[in-house]
Amino acid sequence: MSTRFRTPTRSQPDDSGSRGAGCAWYGQPIVWVGAAVFIASMVGCAWLIVAAERYADPPLPVEGLKILTMPLTRPPPQTP
């Protein structure tokens, strides 16, 4: 009986002994899908690192100090 509502409570059946191999973690398909996605992402990261090292970008020409094509120094004043 509950102390708050004064109603009888039902006891839950103990089914811990009736679990089969399908209830174990390795019997759940979502675990294998998650593991496959994780492994595929790690392999993809490694492949991108190898491809980035193999095909290096040529250096860009630098004409002076600039951020987003805006010069960082003032141009010299123009005399009329």
PDB file of N, CA and C in Angstrom:
ATOM      1  N   MET A   1       0.837  -1.160   0.000  1.00  0.00           N
ATOM      2  CA  MET A   1       0.000   0.000   0.000  1.00  0.00           C
ATOM      3  C   MET A   1       0.893   1.237   0.000  1.00  0.00           C
ATOM      4  N   SER A   2       0.507   2.235  -0.751  1.00  0.00           N
ATOM      5  CA  SER A   2       1.276   3.459  -0.827  1.00  0.00           C
ATOM      6  C   SER A   2       0.998   4.319   0.396  1.00  0.00           C
ATOM      7  N   THR A   3       1.998   5.015   0.880  1.00  0.00           N
ATOM      8  CA  THR A   3       1.798   5.885   2.052  1.00  0.00           C
ATOM      9  C   THR A   3       1.175   7.205   1.665  1.00  0.00           C
ATOM     10  N   ARG A   4       1.229   7.558   0.407  1.00  0.00           N
ATOM     11  CA  ARG A   4       0.691   8.841  -0.015  1.00  0.00           C
ATOM     12  C   ARG A   4      -0.768   8.735  -0.465  1.00  0.00           C
ATOM     13  N   PHE A   5      -1.114   7.733  -1.234  1.00  0.00           N
ATOM     14  CA  PHE A   5      -2.443   7.646  -1.816  1.00  0.00           C
ATOM     15  C   PHE A   5      -3.307   6.528  -1.229  1.00  0.00           C
ATOM     16  N   ARG A   6      -2.769   5.733  -0.374  1.00  0.00           N
ATOM     17  CA  ARG A   6      -3.488   4.637   0.274  1.00  0.00           C
ATOM     18  C   ARG A   6      -4.094   3.670  -0.731  1.00  0.00           C
ATOM     19  N   THR A   7      -3.361   3.410  -1.779  1.00  0.00           N
ATOM     20  CA  THR A   7      -3.798   2.421  -2.761  1.00  0.00           C
ATOM     21  C   THR A   7      -2.790   1.288  -2.777  1.00  0.00           C
ATOM     22  N   PRO A   8      -3.272   0.088  -3.017  1.00  0.00           N
ATOM     23  CA  PRO A   8      -2.315  -1.031  -3.049  1.00  0.00           C
ATOM     24  C   PRO A   8      -1.418  -0.923  -4.276  1.00  0.00           C
ATOM     25  N   THR A   9      -0.162  -1.238  -4.104  1.00  0.00           N
ATOM     26  CA  THR A   9       0.775  -1.233  -5.221  1.00  0.00           C
ATOM     27  C   THR A   9       0.955  -2.645  -5.737  1.00  0.00           C
ATOM     28  N   ARG A  10       1.189  -2.737  -7.008  1.00  0.00           N
ATOM     29  CA  ARG A  10       1.407  -4.046  -7.627  1.00  0.00           C
ATOM     30  C   ARG A  10       2.893  -4.346  -7.631  1.00  0.00           C
ATOM     31  N   SER A  11       3.227  -5.531  -7.296  1.00  0.00           N
ATOM     32  CA  SER A  11       4.637  -5.912  -7.325  1.00  0.00           C
ATOM     33  C   SER A  11       5.018  -6.257  -8.760  1.00  0.00           C
ATOM     34  N   GLN A  12       6.208  -5.837  -9.157  1.00  0.00           N
ATOM     35  CA  GLN A  12       6.706  -6.095 -10.496  1.00  0.00           C
ATOM     36  C   GLN A  12       7.287  -7.504 -10.542  1.00  0.00           C
ATOM     37  N   PRO A  13       6.963  -8.252 -11.594  1.00  0.00           N
ATOM     38  CA  PRO A  13       7.534  -9.600 -11.676  1.00  0.00           C
ATOM     39  C   PRO A  13       9.034  -9.538 -11.911  1.00  0.00           C
ATOM     40  N   ASP A  14       9.748 -10.436 -11.315  1.00  0.00           N
ATOM     41  CA  ASP A  14      11.196 -10.504 -11.461  1.00  0.00           C
ATOM     42  C   ASP A  14      11.506 -11.328 -12.704  1.00  0.00           C
ATOM     43  N   ASP A  15      11.902 -10.648 -13.785  1.00  0.00           N
ATOM     44  CA  ASP A  15      12.191 -11.359 -15.032  1.00  0.00           C
ATOM     45  C   ASP A  15      13.684 -11.388 -15.325  1.00  0.00           C
ATOM     46  N   SER A  16      14.521 -11.221 -14.310  1.00  0.00           N
ATOM     47  CA  SER A  16      15.962 -11.200 -14.551  1.00  0.00           C
ATOM     48  C   SER A  16      16.478 -12.560 -15.021  1.00  0.00           C
ATOM     49  N   GLY A  17      15.847 -13.635 -14.660  1.00  0.00           N
ATOM     50  CA  GLY A  17      16.301 -14.946 -15.088  1.00  0.00           C
ATOM     51  C   GLY A  17      15.767 -15.352 -16.450  1.00  0.00           C
ATOM     52  N   SER A  18      14.761 -14.646 -16.957  1.00  0.00           N
ATOM     53  CA  SER A  18      14.162 -15.032 -18.230  1.00  0.00           C
ATOM     54  C   SER A  18      14.758 -14.290 -19.414  1.00  0.00           C
ATOM     55  N   ARG A  19      15.789 -13.498 -19.198  1.00  0.00           N
ATOM     56  CA  ARG A  19      16.409 -12.770 -20.315  1.00  0.00           C
ATOM     57  C   ARG A  19      17.221 -13.728 -21.175  1.00  0.00           C
ATOM     58  N   GLY A  20      17.093 -13.552 -22.479  1.00  0.00           N
ATOM     59  CA  GLY A  20      17.837 -14.395 -23.407  1.00  0.00           C
ATOM     60  C   GLY A  20      19.043 -13.660 -23.951  1.00  0.00           C
ATOM     61  N   ALA A  21      19.660 -14.250 -24.954  1.00  0.00           N
ATOM     62  CA  ALA A  21      20.834 -13.632 -25.556  1.00  0.00           C
ATOM     63  C   ALA A  21      20.463 -12.394 -26.350  1.00  0.00           C
ATOM     64  N   GLY A  22      19.202 -12.245 -26.771  1.00  0.00           N
ATOM     65  CA  GLY A  22      18.779 -11.072 -27.525  1.00  0.00           C
ATOM     66  C   GLY A  22      18.717  -9.813 -26.690  1.00  0.00           C
ATOM     67  N   CYS A  23      18.689  -9.943 -25.379  1.00  0.00           N
ATOM     68  CA  CYS A  23      18.622  -8.774 -24.503  1.00  0.00           C
ATOM     69  C   CYS A  23      20.004  -8.265 -24.118  1.00  0.00           C
ATOM     70  N   ALA A  24      21.043  -8.993 -24.404  1.00  0.00           N
ATOM     71  CA  ALA A  24      22.397  -8.550 -24.071  1.00  0.00           C
ATOM     72  C   ALA A  24      22.776  -7.382 -24.984  1.00  0.00           C
ATOM     73  N   TRP A  25      23.789  -6.627 -24.596  1.00  0.00           N
ATOM     74  CA  TRP A  25      24.158  -5.440 -25.363  1.00  0.00           C
ATOM     75  C   TRP A  25      24.587  -5.784 -26.780  1.00  0.00           C
ATOM     76  N   TYR A  26      25.245  -6.924 -26.951  1.00  0.00           N
ATOM     77  CA  TYR A  26      25.706  -7.295 -28.290  1.00  0.00           C
ATOM     78  C   TYR A  26      24.589  -7.843 -29.154  1.00  0.00           C
ATOM     79  N   GLY A  27      23.414  -8.045 -28.605  1.00  0.00           N
ATOM     80  CA  GLY A  27      22.267  -8.491 -29.393  1.00  0.00           C
ATOM     81  C   GLY A  27      21.412  -7.341 -29.892  1.00  0.00           C
ATOM     82  N   GLN A  28      21.754  -6.110 -29.515  1.00  0.00           N
ATOM     83  CA  GLN A  28      20.982  -4.945 -29.926  1.00  0.00           C
ATOM     84  C   GLN A  28      21.558  -4.372 -31.213  1.00  0.00           C
ATOM     85  N   PRO A  29      20.733  -4.211 -32.247  1.00  0.00           N
ATOM     86  CA  PRO A  29      21.272  -3.707 -33.523  1.00  0.00           C
ATOM     87  C   PRO A  29      21.725  -2.255 -33.455  1.00  0.00           C
ATOM     88  N   ILE A  30      21.149  -1.435 -32.588  1.00  0.00           N
ATOM     89  CA  ILE A  30      21.553  -0.034 -32.528  1.00  0.00           C
ATOM     90  C   ILE A  30      22.981   0.122 -32.038  1.00  0.00           C
ATOM     91  N   VAL A  31      23.454  -0.817 -31.235  1.00  0.00           N
ATOM     92  CA  VAL A  31      24.845  -0.777 -30.770  1.00  0.00           C
ATOM     93  C   VAL A  31      25.780  -0.993 -31.952  1.00  0.00           C
ATOM     94  N   TRP A  32      25.440  -1.933 -32.825  1.00  0.00           N
ATOM     95  CA  TRP A  32      26.289  -2.222 -33.982  1.00  0.00           C
ATOM     96  C   TRP A  32      26.229  -1.086 -35.000  1.00  0.00           C
ATOM     97  N   VAL A  33      25.077  -0.464 -35.151  1.00  0.00           N
ATOM     98  CA  VAL A  33      24.974   0.686 -36.062  1.00  0.00           C
ATOM     99  C   VAL A  33      25.829   1.834 -35.533  1.00  0.00           C
ATOM    100  N   GLY A  34      25.748   2.097 -34.226  1.00  0.00           N
ATOM    101  CA  GLY A  34      26.565   3.151 -33.639  1.00  0.00           C
ATOM    102  C   GLY A  34      28.047   2.870 -33.766  1.00  0.00           C
ATOM    103  N   ALA A  35      28.440   1.615 -33.558  1.00  0.00           N
ATOM    104  CA  ALA A  35      29.850   1.253 -33.695  1.00  0.00           C
ATOM    105  C   ALA A  35      30.316   1.407 -35.138  1.00  0.00           C
ATOM    106  N   ALA A  36      29.466   1.037 -36.087  1.00  0.00           N
ATOM    107  CA  ALA A  36      29.829   1.164 -37.504  1.00  0.00           C
ATOM    108  C   ALA A  36      29.974   2.628 -37.903  1.00  0.00           C
ATOM    109  N   VAL A  37      29.090   3.490 -37.433  1.00  0.00           N
ATOM    110  CA  VAL A  37      29.189   4.920 -37.745  1.00  0.00           C
ATOM    111  C   VAL A  37      30.449   5.514 -37.129  1.00  0.00           C
ATOM    112  N   PHE A  38      30.751   5.133 -35.893  1.00  0.00           N
ATOM    113  CA  PHE A  38      31.957   5.639 -35.230  1.00  0.00           C
ATOM    114  C   PHE A  38      33.220   5.204 -35.974  1.00  0.00           C
ATOM    115  N   ILE A  39      33.302   3.933 -36.345  1.00  0.00           N
ATOM    116  CA  ILE A  39      34.483   3.431 -37.051  1.00  0.00           C
ATOM    117  C   ILE A  39      34.602   4.074 -38.424  1.00  0.00           C
ATOM    118  N   ALA A  40      33.477   4.247 -39.127  1.00  0.00           N
ATOM    119  CA  ALA A  40      33.515   4.890 -40.441  1.00  0.00           C
ATOM    120  C   ALA A  40      33.974   6.340 -40.335  1.00  0.00           C
ATOM    121  N   SER A  41      33.569   7.039 -39.292  1.00  0.00           N
ATOM    122  CA  SER A  41      34.006   8.428 -39.136  1.00  0.00           C
ATOM    123  C   SER A  41      35.496   8.498 -38.816  1.00  0.00           C
ATOM    124  N   MET A  42      36.013   7.569 -38.022  1.00  0.00           N
ATOM    125  CA  MET A  42      37.442   7.562 -37.725  1.00  0.00           C
ATOM    126  C   MET A  42      38.264   7.241 -38.977  1.00  0.00           C
ATOM    127  N   VAL A  43      37.801   6.292 -39.778  1.00  0.00           N
ATOM    128  CA  VAL A  43      38.500   5.957 -41.033  1.00  0.00           C
ATOM    129  C   VAL A  43      38.448   7.141 -41.987  1.00  0.00           C
ATOM    130  N   GLY A  44      37.315   7.821 -42.053  1.00  0.00           N
ATOM    131  CA  GLY A  44      37.196   8.996 -42.912  1.00  0.00           C
ATOM    132  C   GLY A  44      38.126  10.117 -42.482  1.00  0.00           C
ATOM    133  N   CYS A  45      38.260  10.333 -41.183  1.00  0.00           N
ATOM    134  CA  CYS A  45      39.189  11.357 -40.688  1.00  0.00           C
ATOM    135  C   CYS A  45      40.629  11.017 -41.056  1.00  0.00           C
ATOM    136  N   ALA A  46      41.000   9.767 -40.884  1.00  0.00           N
ATOM    137  CA  ALA A  46      42.360   9.348 -41.229  1.00  0.00           C
ATOM    138  C   ALA A  46      42.608   9.505 -42.728  1.00  0.00           C
ATOM    139  N   TRP A  47      41.617   9.178 -43.548  1.00  0.00           N
ATOM    140  CA  TRP A  47      41.770   9.314 -44.998  1.00  0.00           C
ATOM    141  C   TRP A  47      41.922  10.781 -45.388  1.00  0.00           C
ATOM    142  N   LEU A  48      41.173  11.676 -44.770  1.00  0.00           N
ATOM    143  CA  LEU A  48      41.296  13.098 -45.074  1.00  0.00           C
ATOM    144  C   LEU A  48      42.662  13.645 -44.666  1.00  0.00           C
ATOM    145  N   ILE A  49      43.205  13.166 -43.554  1.00  0.00           N
ATOM    146  CA  ILE A  49      44.533  13.608 -43.131  1.00  0.00           C
ATOM    147  C   ILE A  49      45.589  13.147 -44.127  1.00  0.00           C
ATOM    148  N   VAL A  50      45.494  11.902 -44.586  1.00  0.00           N
ATOM    149  CA  VAL A  50      46.460  11.384 -45.568  1.00  0.00           C
ATOM    150  C   VAL A  50      46.336  12.136 -46.889  1.00  0.00           C
ATOM    151  N   ALA A  51      45.111  12.402 -47.335  1.00  0.00           N
ATOM    152  CA  ALA A  51      44.914  13.128 -48.588  1.00  0.00           C
ATOM    153  C   ALA A  51      45.417  14.563 -48.473  1.00  0.00           C
ATOM    154  N   ALA A  52      45.248  15.192 -47.320  1.00  0.00           N
ATOM    155  CA  ALA A  52      45.718  16.560 -47.140  1.00  0.00           C
ATOM    156  C   ALA A  52      47.243  16.630 -47.151  1.00  0.00           C
ATOM    157  N   GLU A  53      47.901  15.626 -46.622  1.00  0.00           N
ATOM    158  CA  GLU A  53      49.362  15.623 -46.652  1.00  0.00           C
ATOM    159  C   GLU A  53      49.897  15.311 -48.045  1.00  0.00           C
ATOM    160  N   ARG A  54      49.190  14.497 -48.788  1.00  0.00           N
ATOM    161  CA  ARG A  54      49.652  14.096 -50.116  1.00  0.00           C
ATOM    162  C   ARG A  54      49.510  15.231 -51.130  1.00  0.00           C
ATOM    163  N   TYR A  55      48.425  15.977 -51.051  1.00  0.00           N
ATOM    164  CA  TYR A  55      48.146  17.046 -52.013  1.00  0.00           C
ATOM    165  C   TYR A  55      48.167  18.389 -51.291  1.00  0.00           C
ATOM    166  N   ALA A  56      49.362  18.890 -51.062  1.00  0.00           N
ATOM    167  CA  ALA A  56      49.510  20.151 -50.338  1.00  0.00           C
ATOM    168  C   ALA A  56      49.131  21.317 -51.245  1.00  0.00           C
ATOM    169  N   ASP A  57      48.556  22.348 -50.676  1.00  0.00           N
ATOM    170  CA  ASP A  57      48.204  23.553 -51.421  1.00  0.00           C
ATOM    171  C   ASP A  57      49.452  24.390 -51.654  1.00  0.00           C
ATOM    172  N   PRO A  58      49.544  25.036 -52.824  1.00  0.00           N
ATOM    173  CA  PRO A  58      50.691  25.934 -53.037  1.00  0.00           C
ATOM    174  C   PRO A  58      50.516  27.178 -52.159  1.00  0.00           C
ATOM    175  N   PRO A  59      51.633  27.772 -51.735  1.00  0.00           N
ATOM    176  CA  PRO A  59      51.511  28.965 -50.892  1.00  0.00           C
ATOM    177  C   PRO A  59      50.914  30.129 -51.677  1.00  0.00           C
ATOM    178  N   LEU A  60      50.148  30.933 -51.002  1.00  0.00           N
ATOM    179  CA  LEU A  60      49.533  32.100 -51.622  1.00  0.00           C
ATOM    180  C   LEU A  60      50.513  33.260 -51.656  1.00  0.00           C
ATOM    181  N   PRO A  61      50.426  34.095 -52.695  1.00  0.00           N
ATOM    182  CA  PRO A  61      51.319  35.264 -52.725  1.00  0.00           C
ATOM    183  C   PRO A  61      50.900  36.269 -51.653  1.00  0.00           C
ATOM    184  N   VAL A  62      51.894  36.785 -50.953  1.00  0.00           N
ATOM    185  CA  VAL A  62      51.627  37.754 -49.889  1.00  0.00           C
ATOM    186  C   VAL A  62      52.179  39.106 -50.345  1.00  0.00           C
ATOM    187  N   GLU A  63      51.289  40.101 -50.418  1.00  0.00           N
ATOM    188  CA  GLU A  63      51.704  41.430 -50.878  1.00  0.00           C
ATOM    189  C   GLU A  63      51.909  42.398 -49.727  1.00  0.00           C
ATOM    190  N   GLY A  64      51.639  42.012 -48.557  1.00  0.00           N
ATOM    191  CA  GLY A  64      51.764  42.887 -47.397  1.00  0.00           C
ATOM    192  C   GLY A  64      50.832  42.373 -46.311  1.00  0.00           C
ATOM    193  N   LEU A  65      50.751  43.105 -45.235  1.00  0.00           N
ATOM    194  CA  LEU A  65      49.882  42.698 -44.149  1.00  0.00           C
ATOM    195  C   LEU A  65      48.432  43.032 -44.488  1.00  0.00           C
ATOM    196  N   LYS A  66      47.603  42.011 -44.578  1.00  0.00           N
ATOM    197  CA  LYS A  66      46.191  42.200 -44.892  1.00  0.00           C
ATOM    198  C   LYS A  66      45.359  41.209 -44.105  1.00  0.00           C
ATOM    199  N   ILE A  67      44.174  41.640 -43.740  1.00  0.00           N
ATOM    200  CA  ILE A  67      43.180  40.749 -43.158  1.00  0.00           C
ATOM    201  C   ILE A  67      41.914  40.902 -43.978  1.00  0.00           C
ATOM    202  N   LEU A  68      41.467  39.839 -44.599  1.00  0.00           N
ATOM    203  CA  LEU A  68      40.269  39.851 -45.443  1.00  0.00           C
ATOM    204  C   LEU A  68      40.370  40.930 -46.517  1.00  0.00           C
ATOM    205  N   THR A  69      41.502  40.999 -47.185  1.00  0.00           N
ATOM    206  CA  THR A  69      41.840  41.931 -48.266  1.00  0.00           C
ATOM    207  C   THR A  69      41.818  43.391 -47.822  1.00  0.00           C
ATOM    208  N   MET A  70      41.898  43.661 -46.541  1.00  0.00           N
ATOM    209  CA  MET A  70      41.958  45.040 -46.025  1.00  0.00           C
ATOM    210  C   MET A  70      43.385  45.275 -45.544  1.00  0.00           C
ATOM    211  N   PRO A  71      44.065  46.274 -46.063  1.00  0.00           N
ATOM    212  CA  PRO A  71      45.439  46.514 -45.630  1.00  0.00           C
ATOM    213  C   PRO A  71      45.488  46.927 -44.164  1.00  0.00           C
ATOM    214  N   LEU A  72      46.525  46.495 -43.480  1.00  0.00           N
ATOM    215  CA  LEU A  72      46.672  46.805 -42.068  1.00  0.00           C
ATOM    216  C   LEU A  72      47.463  48.086 -41.824  1.00  0.00           C
ATOM    217  N   THR A  73      48.074  48.639 -42.834  1.00  0.00           N
ATOM    218  CA  THR A  73      48.813  49.890 -42.694  1.00  0.00           C
ATOM    219  C   THR A  73      48.151  50.948 -43.545  1.00  0.00           C
ATOM    220  N   ARG A  74      48.340  52.203 -43.138  1.00  0.00           N
ATOM    221  CA  ARG A  74      47.761  53.318 -43.922  1.00  0.00           C
ATOM    222  C   ARG A  74      48.616  53.553 -45.153  1.00  0.00           C
ATOM    223  N   PRO A  75      47.947  53.874 -46.259  1.00  0.00           N
ATOM    224  CA  PRO A  75      48.733  54.210 -47.453  1.00  0.00           C
ATOM    225  C   PRO A  75      49.413  55.551 -47.252  1.00  0.00           C
ATOM    226  N   PRO A  76      50.509  55.795 -47.950  1.00  0.00           N
ATOM    227  CA  PRO A  76      51.184  57.096 -47.804  1.00  0.00           C
ATOM    228  C   PRO A  76      50.280  58.227 -48.309  1.00  0.00           C
ATOM    229  N   PRO A  77      50.354  59.390 -47.674  1.00  0.00           N
ATOM    230  CA  PRO A  77      49.489  60.492 -48.124  1.00  0.00           C
ATOM    231  C   PRO A  77      49.867  60.962 -49.529  1.00  0.00           C
ATOM    232  N   GLN A  78      48.855  61.314 -50.293  1.00  0.00           N
ATOM    233  CA  GLN A  78      49.088  61.770 -51.669  1.00  0.00           C
ATOM    234  C   GLN A  78      49.265  63.298 -51.651  1.00  0.00           C
ATOM    235  N   THR A  79      50.269  63.779 -52.309  1.00  0.00           N
ATOM    236  CA  THR A  79      50.505  65.224 -52.382  1.00  0.00           C
ATOM    237  C   THR A  79      49.984  65.746 -53.712  1.00  0.00           C
ATOM    238  N   PRO A  80      49.239  66.856 -53.667  1.00  0.00           N
ATOM    239  CA  PRO A  80      48.713  67.398 -54.935  1.00  0.00           C
ATOM    240  C   PRO A  80      49.734  68.100 -55.774  1.00  0.00           C
TER     241      PRO A  80
END
